[in-house]
Amino acid sequence: MIALTAVSDAPLSLSAHVDAVSGPRAGAIATFLGTVRDHDPSVEGEVVALDYSAHPSAGEVLASLAARHDADGLVIAVTHRIGHLAVGEAAIVAAVSAAHRREALDTVSALVETVKAELPVWKREILADGSHTWVGVV
């Protein structure tokens, strides 16, 4: 069951995602919280923020990606943030509940990898010196 999918410019809440997938059938809840870090090995300089942009279809695409990982007994919640994010802010939150831990852990991992590879979201890294570089744009 898909409990929540969204592409949002509002700060993300891990607890809201856990609440969305919680229930009496959940023997395990696996989560992923992806945050903005202060470095990128592919660029020189300190990263101070990311600006995320999304294609207008990103919300629909995210729902489709989550549905691809849905299976009997699972409950899935995933949100990707867009807009200006400072170091430390959450860029993606995912939670999956299942009867057993392995299924929850495997599903949240696969879901995050799919979102990273296929969601039409791009980021511009802002460096401490004021320069920037686009990531994920061909």
N, C-alpha and C. Protein backbone atom coordinates (compact mmCIF):
# COMPACT_ATOMS: atom_id res chain seq x y z
N MET A 1 0.84 -1.18 0.00
CA MET A 1 0.00 0.00 0.00
C MET A 1 0.89 1.25 0.00
N ILE A 2 0.54 2.21 -0.79
CA ILE A 2 1.26 3.47 -0.82
C ILE A 2 0.52 4.44 0.11
N ALA A 3 1.18 4.83 1.19
CA ALA A 3 0.57 5.72 2.16
C ALA A 3 0.81 7.18 1.83
N LEU A 4 1.98 7.48 1.23
CA LEU A 4 2.35 8.87 1.00
C LEU A 4 3.44 8.94 -0.06
N THR A 5 3.23 9.78 -1.05
CA THR A 5 4.31 10.18 -1.97
C THR A 5 4.12 11.66 -2.24
N ALA A 6 5.24 12.39 -2.26
CA ALA A 6 5.15 13.83 -2.52
C ALA A 6 6.50 14.38 -2.96
N VAL A 7 6.43 15.43 -3.75
CA VAL A 7 7.57 16.28 -4.05
C VAL A 7 7.17 17.62 -3.45
N SER A 8 7.97 18.11 -2.49
CA SER A 8 7.53 19.23 -1.66
C SER A 8 8.61 20.27 -1.45
N ASP A 9 8.20 21.52 -1.34
CA ASP A 9 9.15 22.58 -1.00
C ASP A 9 9.17 22.86 0.51
N ALA A 10 8.41 22.10 1.28
CA ALA A 10 8.37 22.26 2.74
C ALA A 10 9.39 21.32 3.39
N PRO A 11 9.90 21.68 4.57
CA PRO A 11 10.81 20.78 5.29
C PRO A 11 10.17 19.40 5.49
N LEU A 12 11.00 18.37 5.45
CA LEU A 12 10.52 16.99 5.55
C LEU A 12 10.58 16.49 6.98
N SER A 13 9.64 15.61 7.32
CA SER A 13 9.54 15.05 8.66
C SER A 13 9.67 13.53 8.62
N LEU A 14 10.72 13.02 9.23
CA LEU A 14 10.88 11.57 9.34
C LEU A 14 9.73 10.97 10.14
N SER A 15 9.36 11.61 11.25
CA SER A 15 8.31 11.06 12.10
C SER A 15 6.97 11.00 11.36
N ALA A 16 6.68 11.96 10.49
CA ALA A 16 5.44 11.91 9.71
C ALA A 16 5.42 10.70 8.78
N HIS A 17 6.57 10.36 8.22
CA HIS A 17 6.66 9.19 7.34
C HIS A 17 6.52 7.90 8.13
N VAL A 18 7.14 7.84 9.30
CA VAL A 18 6.99 6.66 10.17
C VAL A 18 5.52 6.50 10.57
N ASP A 19 4.89 7.60 10.96
CA ASP A 19 3.47 7.54 11.31
C ASP A 19 2.62 7.05 10.15
N ALA A 20 2.96 7.46 8.93
CA ALA A 20 2.19 7.08 7.75
C ALA A 20 2.24 5.59 7.47
N VAL A 21 3.34 4.93 7.84
CA VAL A 21 3.47 3.49 7.54
C VAL A 21 3.23 2.60 8.76
N SER A 22 3.01 3.20 9.91
CA SER A 22 2.79 2.43 11.14
C SER A 22 1.42 1.77 11.13
N GLY A 23 1.33 0.64 11.81
CA GLY A 23 0.06 -0.05 11.94
C GLY A 23 0.25 -1.39 12.61
N PRO A 24 -0.84 -2.08 12.91
CA PRO A 24 -0.75 -3.33 13.65
C PRO A 24 -0.08 -4.47 12.89
N ARG A 25 0.01 -4.38 11.57
CA ARG A 25 0.66 -5.44 10.78
C ARG A 25 2.16 -5.23 10.66
N ALA A 26 2.65 -4.07 11.09
CA ALA A 26 4.07 -3.73 10.93
C ALA A 26 4.90 -4.38 12.03
N GLY A 27 5.74 -5.33 11.62
CA GLY A 27 6.71 -5.92 12.53
C GLY A 27 8.05 -5.21 12.43
N ALA A 28 8.20 -4.40 11.37
CA ALA A 28 9.44 -3.65 11.16
C ALA A 28 9.12 -2.41 10.35
N ILE A 29 9.82 -1.33 10.68
CA ILE A 29 9.75 -0.11 9.88
C ILE A 29 11.19 0.29 9.58
N ALA A 30 11.51 0.35 8.29
CA ALA A 30 12.84 0.77 7.85
C ALA A 30 12.72 2.17 7.26
N THR A 31 13.70 3.02 7.59
CA THR A 31 13.65 4.40 7.12
C THR A 31 14.95 4.79 6.44
N PHE A 32 14.86 5.82 5.61
CA PHE A 32 16.03 6.45 5.02
C PHE A 32 15.83 7.95 5.08
N LEU A 33 16.85 8.65 5.55
CA LEU A 33 16.84 10.10 5.61
C LEU A 33 18.08 10.58 4.89
N GLY A 34 17.90 11.15 3.71
CA GLY A 34 19.02 11.68 2.93
C GLY A 34 19.15 13.16 3.19
N THR A 35 20.32 13.59 3.65
CA THR A 35 20.53 14.99 4.01
C THR A 35 21.60 15.64 3.13
N VAL A 36 21.59 16.95 3.11
CA VAL A 36 22.58 17.72 2.35
C VAL A 36 23.89 17.69 3.13
N ARG A 37 24.96 17.27 2.45
CA ARG A 37 26.28 17.21 3.09
C ARG A 37 27.14 18.39 2.63
N ASP A 38 28.22 18.63 3.34
CA ASP A 38 29.05 19.81 3.07
C ASP A 38 30.16 19.58 2.04
N HIS A 39 30.13 18.45 1.37
CA HIS A 39 31.19 18.17 0.39
C HIS A 39 30.65 17.29 -0.73
N ASP A 40 31.35 17.34 -1.84
CA ASP A 40 31.09 16.47 -2.98
C ASP A 40 32.46 16.14 -3.56
N PRO A 41 32.82 14.86 -3.60
CA PRO A 41 34.15 14.49 -4.09
C PRO A 41 34.43 14.95 -5.52
N SER A 42 33.38 15.25 -6.29
CA SER A 42 33.59 15.64 -7.69
C SER A 42 33.83 17.14 -7.88
N VAL A 43 33.76 17.93 -6.82
CA VAL A 43 34.01 19.37 -6.94
C VAL A 43 35.00 19.82 -5.87
N GLU A 44 35.70 20.90 -6.17
CA GLU A 44 36.62 21.48 -5.19
C GLU A 44 35.87 22.54 -4.41
N GLY A 45 36.02 22.51 -3.11
CA GLY A 45 35.39 23.52 -2.28
C GLY A 45 34.27 22.95 -1.42
N GLU A 46 33.89 23.74 -0.44
CA GLU A 46 32.86 23.35 0.51
C GLU A 46 31.47 23.63 -0.06
N VAL A 47 30.59 22.64 0.02
CA VAL A 47 29.20 22.80 -0.38
C VAL A 47 28.45 23.44 0.80
N VAL A 48 27.72 24.52 0.53
CA VAL A 48 26.97 25.19 1.60
C VAL A 48 25.45 25.01 1.44
N ALA A 49 25.01 24.63 0.24
CA ALA A 49 23.57 24.45 0.02
C ALA A 49 23.35 23.73 -1.31
N LEU A 50 22.14 23.23 -1.47
CA LEU A 50 21.70 22.66 -2.74
C LEU A 50 20.39 23.33 -3.14
N ASP A 51 20.25 23.61 -4.41
CA ASP A 51 18.97 24.06 -4.96
C ASP A 51 18.43 22.92 -5.81
N TYR A 52 17.30 22.34 -5.39
CA TYR A 52 16.68 21.25 -6.14
C TYR A 52 15.57 21.80 -7.03
N SER A 53 15.56 21.36 -8.28
CA SER A 53 14.50 21.68 -9.24
C SER A 53 13.87 20.37 -9.69
N ALA A 54 12.59 20.43 -10.04
CA ALA A 54 11.90 19.21 -10.47
C ALA A 54 11.08 19.48 -11.72
N HIS A 55 10.97 18.47 -12.55
CA HIS A 55 10.06 18.52 -13.69
C HIS A 55 8.63 18.56 -13.14
N PRO A 56 7.70 19.21 -13.84
CA PRO A 56 6.31 19.26 -13.35
C PRO A 56 5.68 17.90 -13.10
N SER A 57 6.16 16.87 -13.77
CA SER A 57 5.61 15.52 -13.59
C SER A 57 6.23 14.77 -12.42
N ALA A 58 7.15 15.37 -11.69
CA ALA A 58 7.91 14.64 -10.66
C ALA A 58 7.02 13.98 -9.61
N GLY A 59 5.95 14.63 -9.20
CA GLY A 59 5.06 14.03 -8.21
C GLY A 59 4.41 12.75 -8.72
N GLU A 60 3.95 12.79 -9.97
CA GLU A 60 3.35 11.60 -10.58
C GLU A 60 4.39 10.51 -10.78
N VAL A 61 5.58 10.89 -11.19
CA VAL A 61 6.66 9.92 -11.38
C VAL A 61 7.01 9.26 -10.05
N LEU A 62 7.11 10.04 -8.98
CA LEU A 62 7.44 9.47 -7.67
C LEU A 62 6.38 8.47 -7.23
N ALA A 63 5.12 8.78 -7.44
CA ALA A 63 4.05 7.85 -7.10
C ALA A 63 4.19 6.55 -7.88
N SER A 64 4.54 6.66 -9.15
CA SER A 64 4.74 5.47 -9.99
C SER A 64 5.94 4.65 -9.53
N LEU A 65 7.02 5.33 -9.15
CA LEU A 65 8.20 4.61 -8.67
C LEU A 65 7.90 3.88 -7.37
N ALA A 66 7.17 4.52 -6.47
CA ALA A 66 6.79 3.86 -5.22
C ALA A 66 5.91 2.65 -5.49
N ALA A 67 4.96 2.80 -6.41
CA ALA A 67 4.06 1.70 -6.74
C ALA A 67 4.82 0.50 -7.30
N ARG A 68 5.90 0.76 -7.99
CA ARG A 68 6.72 -0.32 -8.54
C ARG A 68 7.30 -1.21 -7.43
N HIS A 69 7.51 -0.64 -6.25
CA HIS A 69 8.09 -1.39 -5.14
C HIS A 69 7.03 -1.92 -4.17
N ASP A 70 5.78 -1.63 -4.42
CA ASP A 70 4.71 -2.06 -3.53
C ASP A 70 4.49 -3.56 -3.66
N ALA A 71 4.22 -4.19 -2.55
CA ALA A 71 3.92 -5.62 -2.53
C ALA A 71 2.97 -5.88 -1.37
N ASP A 72 2.36 -7.04 -1.37
CA ASP A 72 1.41 -7.40 -0.32
C ASP A 72 2.06 -7.28 1.06
N GLY A 73 1.41 -6.57 1.94
CA GLY A 73 1.90 -6.43 3.31
C GLY A 73 2.81 -5.25 3.55
N LEU A 74 3.26 -4.58 2.49
CA LEU A 74 4.12 -3.41 2.65
C LEU A 74 3.28 -2.14 2.75
N VAL A 75 3.82 -1.15 3.45
CA VAL A 75 3.26 0.20 3.43
C VAL A 75 4.44 1.13 3.17
N ILE A 76 4.29 2.02 2.17
CA ILE A 76 5.40 2.85 1.69
C ILE A 76 5.04 4.33 1.80
N ALA A 77 6.02 5.12 2.25
CA ALA A 77 5.90 6.59 2.26
C ALA A 77 7.23 7.15 1.79
N VAL A 78 7.20 8.09 0.84
CA VAL A 78 8.44 8.70 0.34
C VAL A 78 8.15 10.11 -0.15
N THR A 79 9.03 11.04 0.24
CA THR A 79 8.93 12.43 -0.19
C THR A 79 10.30 12.94 -0.57
N HIS A 80 10.37 13.69 -1.67
CA HIS A 80 11.61 14.36 -2.08
C HIS A 80 11.39 15.85 -1.98
N ARG A 81 12.36 16.53 -1.45
CA ARG A 81 12.28 17.98 -1.26
C ARG A 81 12.81 18.70 -2.49
N ILE A 82 12.23 19.86 -2.78
CA ILE A 82 12.76 20.75 -3.81
C ILE A 82 12.94 22.14 -3.19
N GLY A 83 13.65 22.99 -3.91
CA GLY A 83 13.92 24.34 -3.41
C GLY A 83 15.32 24.43 -2.84
N HIS A 84 15.56 25.46 -2.03
CA HIS A 84 16.88 25.73 -1.45
C HIS A 84 17.02 24.99 -0.12
N LEU A 85 18.04 24.13 -0.03
CA LEU A 85 18.29 23.36 1.19
C LEU A 85 19.70 23.63 1.69
N ALA A 86 19.82 23.96 2.94
CA ALA A 86 21.12 24.18 3.57
C ALA A 86 21.72 22.84 3.99
N VAL A 87 23.01 22.84 4.25
CA VAL A 87 23.68 21.64 4.76
C VAL A 87 22.94 21.16 6.01
N GLY A 88 22.68 19.85 6.06
CA GLY A 88 22.00 19.25 7.19
C GLY A 88 20.51 19.05 6.99
N GLU A 89 19.92 19.76 6.03
CA GLU A 89 18.48 19.60 5.80
C GLU A 89 18.19 18.31 5.04
N ALA A 90 17.01 17.75 5.27
CA ALA A 90 16.59 16.51 4.61
C ALA A 90 16.16 16.78 3.18
N ALA A 91 16.72 16.01 2.25
CA ALA A 91 16.37 16.10 0.83
C ALA A 91 15.39 15.01 0.43
N ILE A 92 15.46 13.87 1.09
CA ILE A 92 14.55 12.75 0.81
C ILE A 92 14.31 11.99 2.11
N VAL A 93 13.06 11.59 2.28
CA VAL A 93 12.68 10.74 3.41
C VAL A 93 11.86 9.58 2.84
N ALA A 94 12.20 8.38 3.26
CA ALA A 94 11.45 7.19 2.86
C ALA A 94 11.25 6.30 4.08
N ALA A 95 10.09 5.69 4.15
CA ALA A 95 9.80 4.73 5.22
C ALA A 95 8.99 3.59 4.61
N VAL A 96 9.31 2.39 5.05
CA VAL A 96 8.60 1.19 4.59
C VAL A 96 8.33 0.32 5.80
N SER A 97 7.09 -0.10 5.95
CA SER A 97 6.78 -1.08 6.99
C SER A 97 6.44 -2.41 6.33
N ALA A 98 6.78 -3.47 7.06
CA ALA A 98 6.53 -4.83 6.59
C ALA A 98 6.40 -5.72 7.82
N ALA A 99 5.98 -6.94 7.59
CA ALA A 99 5.87 -7.88 8.70
C ALA A 99 7.23 -8.24 9.27
N HIS A 100 8.26 -8.23 8.42
CA HIS A 100 9.60 -8.66 8.84
C HIS A 100 10.66 -7.65 8.39
N ARG A 101 11.76 -7.57 9.13
CA ARG A 101 12.78 -6.55 8.89
C ARG A 101 13.45 -6.66 7.53
N ARG A 102 13.76 -7.85 7.07
CA ARG A 102 14.49 -7.98 5.81
C ARG A 102 13.71 -7.37 4.66
N GLU A 103 12.41 -7.64 4.61
CA GLU A 103 11.58 -7.10 3.53
C GLU A 103 11.51 -5.57 3.61
N ALA A 104 11.39 -5.03 4.82
CA ALA A 104 11.35 -3.57 4.98
C ALA A 104 12.68 -2.94 4.59
N LEU A 105 13.78 -3.52 5.05
CA LEU A 105 15.11 -2.98 4.74
C LEU A 105 15.42 -3.06 3.25
N ASP A 106 15.16 -4.21 2.65
CA ASP A 106 15.42 -4.37 1.21
C ASP A 106 14.58 -3.41 0.37
N THR A 107 13.32 -3.25 0.76
CA THR A 107 12.43 -2.40 -0.03
C THR A 107 12.80 -0.93 0.09
N VAL A 108 13.11 -0.45 1.29
CA VAL A 108 13.47 0.96 1.41
C VAL A 108 14.76 1.25 0.66
N SER A 109 15.71 0.32 0.68
CA SER A 109 16.96 0.50 -0.05
C SER A 109 16.71 0.55 -1.56
N ALA A 110 15.95 -0.40 -2.07
CA ALA A 110 15.66 -0.44 -3.50
C ALA A 110 14.86 0.79 -3.94
N LEU A 111 13.92 1.21 -3.11
CA LEU A 111 13.12 2.39 -3.42
C LEU A 111 13.99 3.64 -3.55
N VAL A 112 14.88 3.85 -2.60
CA VAL A 112 15.75 5.03 -2.64
C VAL A 112 16.65 5.01 -3.87
N GLU A 113 17.20 3.85 -4.21
CA GLU A 113 18.04 3.75 -5.40
C GLU A 113 17.24 4.07 -6.67
N THR A 114 16.01 3.58 -6.74
CA THR A 114 15.16 3.86 -7.89
C THR A 114 14.84 5.35 -7.99
N VAL A 115 14.49 5.96 -6.87
CA VAL A 115 14.17 7.39 -6.87
C VAL A 115 15.39 8.19 -7.32
N LYS A 116 16.56 7.87 -6.79
CA LYS A 116 17.77 8.60 -7.15
C LYS A 116 18.05 8.48 -8.66
N ALA A 117 17.81 7.30 -9.22
CA ALA A 117 18.12 7.07 -10.63
C ALA A 117 17.06 7.61 -11.59
N GLU A 118 15.79 7.66 -11.17
CA GLU A 118 14.73 7.90 -12.14
C GLU A 118 13.85 9.12 -11.89
N LEU A 119 13.87 9.70 -10.71
CA LEU A 119 13.01 10.86 -10.45
C LEU A 119 13.57 12.08 -11.19
N PRO A 120 12.74 12.80 -11.95
CA PRO A 120 13.24 13.97 -12.68
C PRO A 120 13.43 15.18 -11.76
N VAL A 121 14.48 15.09 -10.95
CA VAL A 121 14.88 16.14 -10.02
C VAL A 121 16.36 16.41 -10.26
N TRP A 122 16.73 17.68 -10.28
CA TRP A 122 18.12 18.06 -10.51
C TRP A 122 18.57 18.96 -9.38
N LYS A 123 19.87 18.94 -9.12
CA LYS A 123 20.38 19.79 -8.04
C LYS A 123 21.53 20.65 -8.52
N ARG A 124 21.55 21.84 -7.97
CA ARG A 124 22.63 22.78 -8.20
C ARG A 124 23.35 22.94 -6.87
N GLU A 125 24.62 22.57 -6.85
CA GLU A 125 25.42 22.70 -5.63
C GLU A 125 25.96 24.12 -5.54
N ILE A 126 25.73 24.73 -4.39
CA ILE A 126 26.23 26.07 -4.13
C ILE A 126 27.46 25.92 -3.23
N LEU A 127 28.58 26.48 -3.67
CA LEU A 127 29.83 26.36 -2.93
C LEU A 127 30.08 27.61 -2.09
N ALA A 128 30.95 27.46 -1.09
CA ALA A 128 31.24 28.55 -0.16
C ALA A 128 31.78 29.79 -0.85
N ASP A 129 32.46 29.61 -1.98
CA ASP A 129 33.02 30.76 -2.69
C ASP A 129 32.00 31.46 -3.60
N GLY A 130 30.75 30.99 -3.57
CA GLY A 130 29.70 31.59 -4.38
C GLY A 130 29.49 30.93 -5.73
N SER A 131 30.41 30.08 -6.14
CA SER A 131 30.24 29.38 -7.41
C SER A 131 29.21 28.26 -7.25
N HIS A 132 28.80 27.70 -8.37
CA HIS A 132 27.84 26.60 -8.32
C HIS A 132 28.11 25.63 -9.46
N THR A 133 27.58 24.44 -9.31
CA THR A 133 27.67 23.43 -10.35
C THR A 133 26.39 22.61 -10.35
N TRP A 134 25.90 22.28 -11.55
CA TRP A 134 24.71 21.44 -11.68
C TRP A 134 25.11 19.97 -11.60
N VAL A 135 24.29 19.18 -10.94
CA VAL A 135 24.52 17.74 -10.80
C VAL A 135 23.30 17.03 -11.38
N GLY A 136 23.53 16.01 -12.19
CA GLY A 136 22.43 15.23 -12.74
C GLY A 136 21.77 15.85 -13.95
N VAL A 137 22.41 16.85 -14.54
CA VAL A 137 21.87 17.48 -15.74
C VAL A 137 22.77 17.10 -16.90
N VAL A 138 22.16 16.55 -17.94
CA VAL A 138 22.94 16.11 -19.10
C VAL A 138 23.16 17.27 -20.03
